[in-house]
Amino acid sequence: MYLQIVLVAMIAGLLIPIYEVWKTDNTWQLMLALGSISSKVSIIILVISVVRDDWMIGVVAAIILSLGNAGFMLLAHVIRRLNDGSY
């Protein structure tokens, strides 16, 4: 019962950056919102892996959590520099 409430709250929190992605045209804000979505989804996957006692899924979620956002931020910085013309 408590797990279902926690998962519904996590998914509700996931809708906030999805709304931000939907309404913005700024590339930098778009990439930050996508990074936030990546973090939230990996935490949801970690919770599910602990409940199912499946540590292989947890390892994948930890890799996404640690490396996924770094890739998004690097890509956002490259796109920002290309748009500024300072390359």
PDB file of N, CA and C in Angstrom:
ATOM      1  N   MET A   1       0.814  -1.194   0.000  1.00  0.00           N
ATOM      2  CA  MET A   1       0.000   0.000   0.000  1.00  0.00           C
ATOM      3  C   MET A   1       0.859   1.260   0.000  1.00  0.00           C
ATOM      4  N   TYR A   2       1.853   1.301   0.906  1.00  0.00           N
ATOM      5  CA  TYR A   2       2.710   2.475   0.991  1.00  0.00           C
ATOM      6  C   TYR A   2       3.572   2.619  -0.254  1.00  0.00           C
ATOM      7  N   LEU A   3       3.982   1.495  -0.813  1.00  0.00           N
ATOM      8  CA  LEU A   3       4.797   1.537  -2.016  1.00  0.00           C
ATOM      9  C   LEU A   3       4.023   2.144  -3.176  1.00  0.00           C
ATOM     10  N   GLN A   4       2.768   1.814  -3.296  1.00  0.00           N
ATOM     11  CA  GLN A   4       1.951   2.374  -4.370  1.00  0.00           C
ATOM     12  C   GLN A   4       1.786   3.876  -4.214  1.00  0.00           C
ATOM     13  N   ILE A   5       1.630   4.345  -2.987  1.00  0.00           N
ATOM     14  CA  ILE A   5       1.515   5.788  -2.738  1.00  0.00           C
ATOM     15  C   ILE A   5       2.815   6.486  -3.095  1.00  0.00           C
ATOM     16  N   VAL A   6       3.937   5.877  -2.723  1.00  0.00           N
ATOM     17  CA  VAL A   6       5.245   6.459  -3.037  1.00  0.00           C
ATOM     18  C   VAL A   6       5.463   6.512  -4.549  1.00  0.00           C
ATOM     19  N   LEU A   7       5.127   5.445  -5.253  1.00  0.00           N
ATOM     20  CA  LEU A   7       5.307   5.427  -6.706  1.00  0.00           C
ATOM     21  C   LEU A   7       4.402   6.434  -7.404  1.00  0.00           C
ATOM     22  N   VAL A   8       3.180   6.589  -6.949  1.00  0.00           N
ATOM     23  CA  VAL A   8       2.286   7.586  -7.537  1.00  0.00           C
ATOM     24  C   VAL A   8       2.825   8.995  -7.288  1.00  0.00           C
ATOM     25  N   ALA A   9       3.362   9.247  -6.091  1.00  0.00           N
ATOM     26  CA  ALA A   9       3.948  10.553  -5.797  1.00  0.00           C
ATOM     27  C   ALA A   9       5.176  10.807  -6.659  1.00  0.00           C
ATOM     28  N   MET A  10       5.991   9.779  -6.886  1.00  0.00           N
ATOM     29  CA  MET A  10       7.172   9.939  -7.733  1.00  0.00           C
ATOM     30  C   MET A  10       6.779  10.224  -9.176  1.00  0.00           C
ATOM     31  N   ILE A  11       5.770   9.550  -9.657  1.00  0.00           N
ATOM     32  CA  ILE A  11       5.315   9.784 -11.029  1.00  0.00           C
ATOM     33  C   ILE A  11       4.685  11.169 -11.143  1.00  0.00           C
ATOM     34  N   ALA A  12       3.975  11.613 -10.111  1.00  0.00           N
ATOM     35  CA  ALA A  12       3.423  12.972 -10.120  1.00  0.00           C
ATOM     36  C   ALA A  12       4.548  14.010 -10.147  1.00  0.00           C
ATOM     37  N   GLY A  13       5.620  13.756  -9.413  1.00  0.00           N
ATOM     38  CA  GLY A  13       6.778  14.643  -9.459  1.00  0.00           C
ATOM     39  C   GLY A  13       7.471  14.626 -10.796  1.00  0.00           C
ATOM     40  N   LEU A  14       7.342  13.535 -11.518  1.00  0.00           N
ATOM     41  CA  LEU A  14       7.935  13.419 -12.850  1.00  0.00           C
ATOM     42  C   LEU A  14       7.193  14.270 -13.872  1.00  0.00           C
ATOM     43  N   LEU A  15       5.928  14.554 -13.608  1.00  0.00           N
ATOM     44  CA  LEU A  15       5.135  15.336 -14.559  1.00  0.00           C
ATOM     45  C   LEU A  15       5.548  16.805 -14.603  1.00  0.00           C
ATOM     46  N   ILE A  16       6.174  17.314 -13.555  1.00  0.00           N
ATOM     47  CA  ILE A  16       6.581  18.727 -13.523  1.00  0.00           C
ATOM     48  C   ILE A  16       7.634  19.030 -14.594  1.00  0.00           C
ATOM     49  N   PRO A  17       8.754  18.290 -14.680  1.00  0.00           N
ATOM     50  CA  PRO A  17       9.701  18.598 -15.758  1.00  0.00           C
ATOM     51  C   PRO A  17       9.166  18.249 -17.149  1.00  0.00           C
ATOM     52  N   ILE A  18       8.241  17.287 -17.230  1.00  0.00           N
ATOM     53  CA  ILE A  18       7.644  16.986 -18.536  1.00  0.00           C
ATOM     54  C   ILE A  18       6.838  18.185 -19.015  1.00  0.00           C
ATOM     55  N   TYR A  19       6.115  18.841 -18.124  1.00  0.00           N
ATOM     56  CA  TYR A  19       5.381  20.058 -18.480  1.00  0.00           C
ATOM     57  C   TYR A  19       6.349  21.164 -18.892  1.00  0.00           C
ATOM     58  N   GLU A  20       7.463  21.275 -18.210  1.00  0.00           N
ATOM     59  CA  GLU A  20       8.470  22.292 -18.545  1.00  0.00           C
ATOM     60  C   GLU A  20       9.047  22.054 -19.940  1.00  0.00           C
ATOM     61  N   VAL A  21       9.291  20.797 -20.281  1.00  0.00           N
ATOM     62  CA  VAL A  21       9.792  20.460 -21.621  1.00  0.00           C
ATOM     63  C   VAL A  21       8.754  20.834 -22.672  1.00  0.00           C
ATOM     64  N   TRP A  22       7.499  20.617 -22.362  1.00  0.00           N
ATOM     65  CA  TRP A  22       6.427  20.849 -23.318  1.00  0.00           C
ATOM     66  C   TRP A  22       6.248  22.330 -23.626  1.00  0.00           C
ATOM     67  N   LYS A  23       6.473  23.218 -22.642  1.00  0.00           N
ATOM     68  CA  LYS A  23       6.160  24.625 -22.854  1.00  0.00           C
ATOM     69  C   LYS A  23       7.365  25.496 -23.209  1.00  0.00           C
ATOM     70  N   THR A  24       8.590  25.021 -23.103  1.00  0.00           N
ATOM     71  CA  THR A  24       9.750  25.872 -23.319  1.00  0.00           C
ATOM     72  C   THR A  24      10.311  25.728 -24.724  1.00  0.00           C
ATOM     73  N   ASP A  25      10.936  26.797 -25.192  1.00  0.00           N
ATOM     74  CA  ASP A  25      11.658  26.781 -26.460  1.00  0.00           C
ATOM     75  C   ASP A  25      13.162  26.938 -26.252  1.00  0.00           C
ATOM     76  N   ASN A  26      13.564  27.250 -25.028  1.00  0.00           N
ATOM     77  CA  ASN A  26      14.973  27.455 -24.713  1.00  0.00           C
ATOM     78  C   ASN A  26      15.678  26.098 -24.621  1.00  0.00           C
ATOM     79  N   THR A  27      16.734  25.931 -25.387  1.00  0.00           N
ATOM     80  CA  THR A  27      17.448  24.655 -25.431  1.00  0.00           C
ATOM     81  C   THR A  27      18.063  24.311 -24.080  1.00  0.00           C
ATOM     82  N   TRP A  28      18.626  25.304 -23.399  1.00  0.00           N
ATOM     83  CA  TRP A  28      19.274  25.067 -22.115  1.00  0.00           C
ATOM     84  C   TRP A  28      18.260  24.564 -21.085  1.00  0.00           C
ATOM     85  N   GLN A  29      17.086  25.202 -21.010  1.00  0.00           N
ATOM     86  CA  GLN A  29      16.059  24.749 -20.070  1.00  0.00           C
ATOM     87  C   GLN A  29      15.519  23.383 -20.471  1.00  0.00           C
ATOM     88  N   LEU A  30      15.438  23.131 -21.758  1.00  0.00           N
ATOM     89  CA  LEU A  30      14.975  21.832 -22.241  1.00  0.00           C
ATOM     90  C   LEU A  30      15.911  20.724 -21.796  1.00  0.00           C
ATOM     91  N   MET A  31      17.205  20.938 -21.940  1.00  0.00           N
ATOM     92  CA  MET A  31      18.176  19.918 -21.552  1.00  0.00           C
ATOM     93  C   MET A  31      18.203  19.727 -20.030  1.00  0.00           C
ATOM     94  N   LEU A  32      18.055  20.812 -19.281  1.00  0.00           N
ATOM     95  CA  LEU A  32      18.001  20.677 -17.822  1.00  0.00           C
ATOM     96  C   LEU A  32      16.761  19.903 -17.378  1.00  0.00           C
ATOM     97  N   ALA A  33      15.637  20.164 -18.030  1.00  0.00           N
ATOM     98  CA  ALA A  33      14.417  19.431 -17.685  1.00  0.00           C
ATOM     99  C   ALA A  33      14.560  17.954 -18.044  1.00  0.00           C
ATOM    100  N   LEU A  34      15.185  17.650 -19.180  1.00  0.00           N
ATOM    101  CA  LEU A  34      15.400  16.253 -19.548  1.00  0.00           C
ATOM    102  C   LEU A  34      16.362  15.562 -18.581  1.00  0.00           C
ATOM    103  N   GLY A  35      17.363  16.298 -18.091  1.00  0.00           N
ATOM    104  CA  GLY A  35      18.245  15.746 -17.064  1.00  0.00           C
ATOM    105  C   GLY A  35      17.497  15.450 -15.775  1.00  0.00           C
ATOM    106  N   SER A  36      16.558  16.317 -15.430  1.00  0.00           N
ATOM    107  CA  SER A  36      15.744  16.096 -14.242  1.00  0.00           C
ATOM    108  C   SER A  36      14.853  14.863 -14.421  1.00  0.00           C
ATOM    109  N   ILE A  37      14.307  14.701 -15.619  1.00  0.00           N
ATOM    110  CA  ILE A  37      13.490  13.520 -15.896  1.00  0.00           C
ATOM    111  C   ILE A  37      14.337  12.263 -15.769  1.00  0.00           C
ATOM    112  N   SER A  38      15.568  12.314 -16.270  1.00  0.00           N
ATOM    113  CA  SER A  38      16.467  11.169 -16.179  1.00  0.00           C
ATOM    114  C   SER A  38      16.743  10.796 -14.725  1.00  0.00           C
ATOM    115  N   SER A  39      16.977  11.787 -13.895  1.00  0.00           N
ATOM    116  CA  SER A  39      17.234  11.522 -12.469  1.00  0.00           C
ATOM    117  C   SER A  39      16.028  10.895 -11.793  1.00  0.00           C
ATOM    118  N   LYS A  40      14.867  11.461 -12.053  1.00  0.00           N
ATOM    119  CA  LYS A  40      13.665  10.953 -11.403  1.00  0.00           C
ATOM    120  C   LYS A  40      13.334   9.529 -11.852  1.00  0.00           C
ATOM    121  N   VAL A  41      13.487   9.253 -13.144  1.00  0.00           N
ATOM    122  CA  VAL A  41      13.204   7.902 -13.638  1.00  0.00           C
ATOM    123  C   VAL A  41      14.191   6.893 -13.050  1.00  0.00           C
ATOM    124  N   SER A  42      15.466   7.260 -12.938  1.00  0.00           N
ATOM    125  CA  SER A  42      16.436   6.320 -12.373  1.00  0.00           C
ATOM    126  C   SER A  42      16.161   6.065 -10.889  1.00  0.00           C
ATOM    127  N   ILE A  43      15.684   7.057 -10.156  1.00  0.00           N
ATOM    128  CA  ILE A  43      15.335   6.838  -8.752  1.00  0.00           C
ATOM    129  C   ILE A  43      14.110   5.934  -8.643  1.00  0.00           C
ATOM    130  N   ILE A  44      13.133   6.118  -9.544  1.00  0.00           N
ATOM    131  CA  ILE A  44      11.972   5.228  -9.560  1.00  0.00           C
ATOM    132  C   ILE A  44      12.415   3.797  -9.852  1.00  0.00           C
ATOM    133  N   ILE A  45      13.341   3.627 -10.792  1.00  0.00           N
ATOM    134  CA  ILE A  45      13.854   2.294 -11.107  1.00  0.00           C
ATOM    135  C   ILE A  45      14.584   1.700  -9.906  1.00  0.00           C
ATOM    136  N   LEU A  46      15.338   2.525  -9.171  1.00  0.00           N
ATOM    137  CA  LEU A  46      16.016   2.031  -7.963  1.00  0.00           C
ATOM    138  C   LEU A  46      15.017   1.546  -6.923  1.00  0.00           C
ATOM    139  N   VAL A  47      13.934   2.289  -6.721  1.00  0.00           N
ATOM    140  CA  VAL A  47      12.916   1.879  -5.746  1.00  0.00           C
ATOM    141  C   VAL A  47      12.297   0.551  -6.164  1.00  0.00           C
ATOM    142  N   ILE A  48      11.965   0.429  -7.435  1.00  0.00           N
ATOM    143  CA  ILE A  48      11.369  -0.814  -7.921  1.00  0.00           C
ATOM    144  C   ILE A  48      12.345  -1.982  -7.783  1.00  0.00           C
ATOM    145  N   SER A  49      13.638  -1.740  -8.055  1.00  0.00           N
ATOM    146  CA  SER A  49      14.613  -2.828  -7.950  1.00  0.00           C
ATOM    147  C   SER A  49      14.806  -3.278  -6.502  1.00  0.00           C
ATOM    148  N   VAL A  50      14.703  -2.355  -5.551  1.00  0.00           N
ATOM    149  CA  VAL A  50      14.816  -2.740  -4.145  1.00  0.00           C
ATOM    150  C   VAL A  50      13.598  -3.552  -3.724  1.00  0.00           C
ATOM    151  N   VAL A  51      12.420  -3.140  -4.178  1.00  0.00           N
ATOM    152  CA  VAL A  51      11.206  -3.869  -3.819  1.00  0.00           C
ATOM    153  C   VAL A  51      11.221  -5.267  -4.416  1.00  0.00           C
ATOM    154  N   ARG A  52      11.666  -5.388  -5.651  1.00  0.00           N
ATOM    155  CA  ARG A  52      11.699  -6.701  -6.309  1.00  0.00           C
ATOM    156  C   ARG A  52      12.911  -7.518  -5.905  1.00  0.00           C
ATOM    157  N   ASP A  53      13.856  -6.918  -5.193  1.00  0.00           N
ATOM    158  CA  ASP A  53      15.115  -7.550  -4.791  1.00  0.00           C
ATOM    159  C   ASP A  53      15.893  -8.026  -6.021  1.00  0.00           C
ATOM    160  N   ASP A  54      15.914  -7.171  -7.033  1.00  0.00           N
ATOM    161  CA  ASP A  54      16.625  -7.451  -8.284  1.00  0.00           C
ATOM    162  C   ASP A  54      17.737  -6.416  -8.426  1.00  0.00           C
ATOM    163  N   TRP A  55      18.947  -6.804  -8.056  1.00  0.00           N
ATOM    164  CA  TRP A  55      20.043  -5.842  -8.008  1.00  0.00           C
ATOM    165  C   TRP A  55      20.639  -5.551  -9.374  1.00  0.00           C
ATOM    166  N   MET A  56      20.346  -6.376 -10.371  1.00  0.00           N
ATOM    167  CA  MET A  56      20.844  -6.060 -11.719  1.00  0.00           C
ATOM    168  C   MET A  56      20.139  -4.826 -12.269  1.00  0.00           C
ATOM    169  N   ILE A  57      18.847  -4.724 -12.014  1.00  0.00           N
ATOM    170  CA  ILE A  57      18.119  -3.521 -12.423  1.00  0.00           C
ATOM    171  C   ILE A  57      18.626  -2.319 -11.625  1.00  0.00           C
ATOM    172  N   GLY A  58      18.944  -2.514 -10.367  1.00  0.00           N
ATOM    173  CA  GLY A  58      19.481  -1.439  -9.536  1.00  0.00           C
ATOM    174  C   GLY A  58      20.818  -0.929 -10.026  1.00  0.00           C
ATOM    175  N   VAL A  59      21.654  -1.836 -10.519  1.00  0.00           N
ATOM    176  CA  VAL A  59      22.954  -1.423 -11.060  1.00  0.00           C
ATOM    177  C   VAL A  59      22.757  -0.559 -12.308  1.00  0.00           C
ATOM    178  N   VAL A  60      21.827  -0.957 -13.163  1.00  0.00           N
ATOM    179  CA  VAL A  60      21.543  -0.159 -14.358  1.00  0.00           C
ATOM    180  C   VAL A  60      21.020   1.213 -13.971  1.00  0.00           C
ATOM    181  N   ALA A  61      20.145   1.278 -12.979  1.00  0.00           N
ATOM    182  CA  ALA A  61      19.621   2.565 -12.521  1.00  0.00           C
ATOM    183  C   ALA A  61      20.719   3.435 -11.921  1.00  0.00           C
ATOM    184  N   ALA A  62      21.649   2.828 -11.197  1.00  0.00           N
ATOM    185  CA  ALA A  62      22.764   3.595 -10.629  1.00  0.00           C
ATOM    186  C   ALA A  62      23.670   4.146 -11.726  1.00  0.00           C
ATOM    187  N   ILE A  63      23.883   3.371 -12.776  1.00  0.00           N
ATOM    188  CA  ILE A  63      24.694   3.856 -13.895  1.00  0.00           C
ATOM    189  C   ILE A  63      23.987   5.008 -14.601  1.00  0.00           C
ATOM    190  N   ILE A  64      22.687   4.871 -14.818  1.00  0.00           N
ATOM    191  CA  ILE A  64      21.924   5.959 -15.434  1.00  0.00           C
ATOM    192  C   ILE A  64      21.982   7.201 -14.555  1.00  0.00           C
ATOM    193  N   LEU A  65      21.849   7.012 -13.254  1.00  0.00           N
ATOM    194  CA  LEU A  65      21.854   8.144 -12.326  1.00  0.00           C
ATOM    195  C   LEU A  65      23.203   8.854 -12.313  1.00  0.00           C
ATOM    196  N   SER A  66      24.287   8.102 -12.357  1.00  0.00           N
ATOM    197  CA  SER A  66      25.604   8.728 -12.255  1.00  0.00           C
ATOM    198  C   SER A  66      26.137   9.251 -13.583  1.00  0.00           C
ATOM    199  N   LEU A  67      25.863   8.577 -14.669  1.00  0.00           N
ATOM    200  CA  LEU A  67      26.441   8.985 -15.950  1.00  0.00           C
ATOM    201  C   LEU A  67      25.451   9.680 -16.878  1.00  0.00           C
ATOM    202  N   GLY A  68      24.177   9.422 -16.721  1.00  0.00           N
ATOM    203  CA  GLY A  68      23.193   9.983 -17.636  1.00  0.00           C
ATOM    204  C   GLY A  68      23.117  11.493 -17.585  1.00  0.00           C
ATOM    205  N   ASN A  69      23.124  12.058 -16.388  1.00  0.00           N
ATOM    206  CA  ASN A  69      23.020  13.509 -16.263  1.00  0.00           C
ATOM    207  C   ASN A  69      24.281  14.208 -16.737  1.00  0.00           C
ATOM    208  N   ALA A  70      25.409  13.598 -16.569  1.00  0.00           N
ATOM    209  CA  ALA A  70      26.652  14.213 -17.045  1.00  0.00           C
ATOM    210  C   ALA A  70      26.635  14.345 -18.564  1.00  0.00           C
ATOM    211  N   GLY A  71      26.132  13.334 -19.238  1.00  0.00           N
ATOM    212  CA  GLY A  71      26.030  13.401 -20.694  1.00  0.00           C
ATOM    213  C   GLY A  71      25.057  14.472 -21.144  1.00  0.00           C
ATOM    214  N   PHE A  72      23.923  14.593 -20.453  1.00  0.00           N
ATOM    215  CA  PHE A  72      22.955  15.629 -20.793  1.00  0.00           C
ATOM    216  C   PHE A  72      23.534  17.018 -20.594  1.00  0.00           C
ATOM    217  N   MET A  73      24.224  17.216 -19.489  1.00  0.00           N
ATOM    218  CA  MET A  73      24.777  18.548 -19.215  1.00  0.00           C
ATOM    219  C   MET A  73      25.891  18.902 -20.200  1.00  0.00           C
ATOM    220  N   LEU A  74      26.702  17.915 -20.568  1.00  0.00           N
ATOM    221  CA  LEU A  74      27.750  18.167 -21.551  1.00  0.00           C
ATOM    222  C   LEU A  74      27.144  18.523 -22.901  1.00  0.00           C
ATOM    223  N   LEU A  75      26.122  17.794 -23.315  1.00  0.00           N
ATOM    224  CA  LEU A  75      25.460  18.081 -24.581  1.00  0.00           C
ATOM    225  C   LEU A  75      24.784  19.451 -24.553  1.00  0.00           C
ATOM    226  N   ALA A  76      24.160  19.798 -23.444  1.00  0.00           N
ATOM    227  CA  ALA A  76      23.521  21.112 -23.327  1.00  0.00           C
ATOM    228  C   ALA A  76      24.552  22.225 -23.416  1.00  0.00           C
ATOM    229  N   HIS A  77      25.713  22.027 -22.803  1.00  0.00           N
ATOM    230  CA  HIS A  77      26.758  23.044 -22.861  1.00  0.00           C
ATOM    231  C   HIS A  77      27.299  23.201 -24.280  1.00  0.00           C
ATOM    232  N   VAL A  78      27.474  22.096 -24.984  1.00  0.00           N
ATOM    233  CA  VAL A  78      27.954  22.165 -26.375  1.00  0.00           C
ATOM    234  C   VAL A  78      26.938  22.883 -27.254  1.00  0.00           C
ATOM    235  N   ILE A  79      25.650  22.558 -27.102  1.00  0.00           N
ATOM    236  CA  ILE A  79      24.609  23.215 -27.895  1.00  0.00           C
ATOM    237  C   ILE A  79      24.540  24.703 -27.569  1.00  0.00           C
ATOM    238  N   ARG A  80      24.691  25.047 -26.312  1.00  0.00           N
ATOM    239  CA  ARG A  80      24.668  26.462 -25.907  1.00  0.00           C
ATOM    240  C   ARG A  80      25.832  27.229 -26.527  1.00  0.00           C
ATOM    241  N   ARG A  81      27.001  26.631 -26.511  1.00  0.00           N
ATOM    242  CA  ARG A  81      28.164  27.314 -27.103  1.00  0.00           C
ATOM    243  C   ARG A  81      28.022  27.442 -28.609  1.00  0.00           C
ATOM    244  N   LEU A  82      27.425  26.444 -29.259  1.00  0.00           N
ATOM    245  CA  LEU A  82      27.203  26.550 -30.700  1.00  0.00           C
ATOM    246  C   LEU A  82      26.189  27.639 -31.031  1.00  0.00           C
ATOM    247  N   ASN A  83      25.157  27.782 -30.216  1.00  0.00           N
ATOM    248  CA  ASN A  83      24.162  28.832 -30.445  1.00  0.00           C
ATOM    249  C   ASN A  83      24.712  30.213 -30.163  1.00  0.00           C
ATOM    250  N   ASP A  84      25.639  30.336 -29.215  1.00  0.00           N
ATOM    251  CA  ASP A  84      26.249  31.625 -28.911  1.00  0.00           C
ATOM    252  C   ASP A  84      27.267  32.041 -29.957  1.00  0.00           C
ATOM    253  N   GLY A  85      27.745  31.090 -30.729  1.00  0.00           N
ATOM    254  CA  GLY A  85      28.759  31.384 -31.731  1.00  0.00           C
ATOM    255  C   GLY A  85      30.169  31.482 -31.162  1.00  0.00           C
ATOM    256  N   SER A  86      30.372  30.962 -29.958  1.00  0.00           N
ATOM    257  CA  SER A  86      31.693  31.040 -29.322  1.00  0.00           C
ATOM    258  C   SER A  86      32.381  29.682 -29.361  1.00  0.00           C
ATOM    259  N   TYR A  87      32.533  29.131 -30.533  1.00  0.00           N
ATOM    260  CA  TYR A  87      33.200  27.853 -30.660  1.00  0.00           C
ATOM    261  C   TYR A  87      34.463  28.090 -31.354  1.00  0.00           C
TER     262      TYR A  87
END
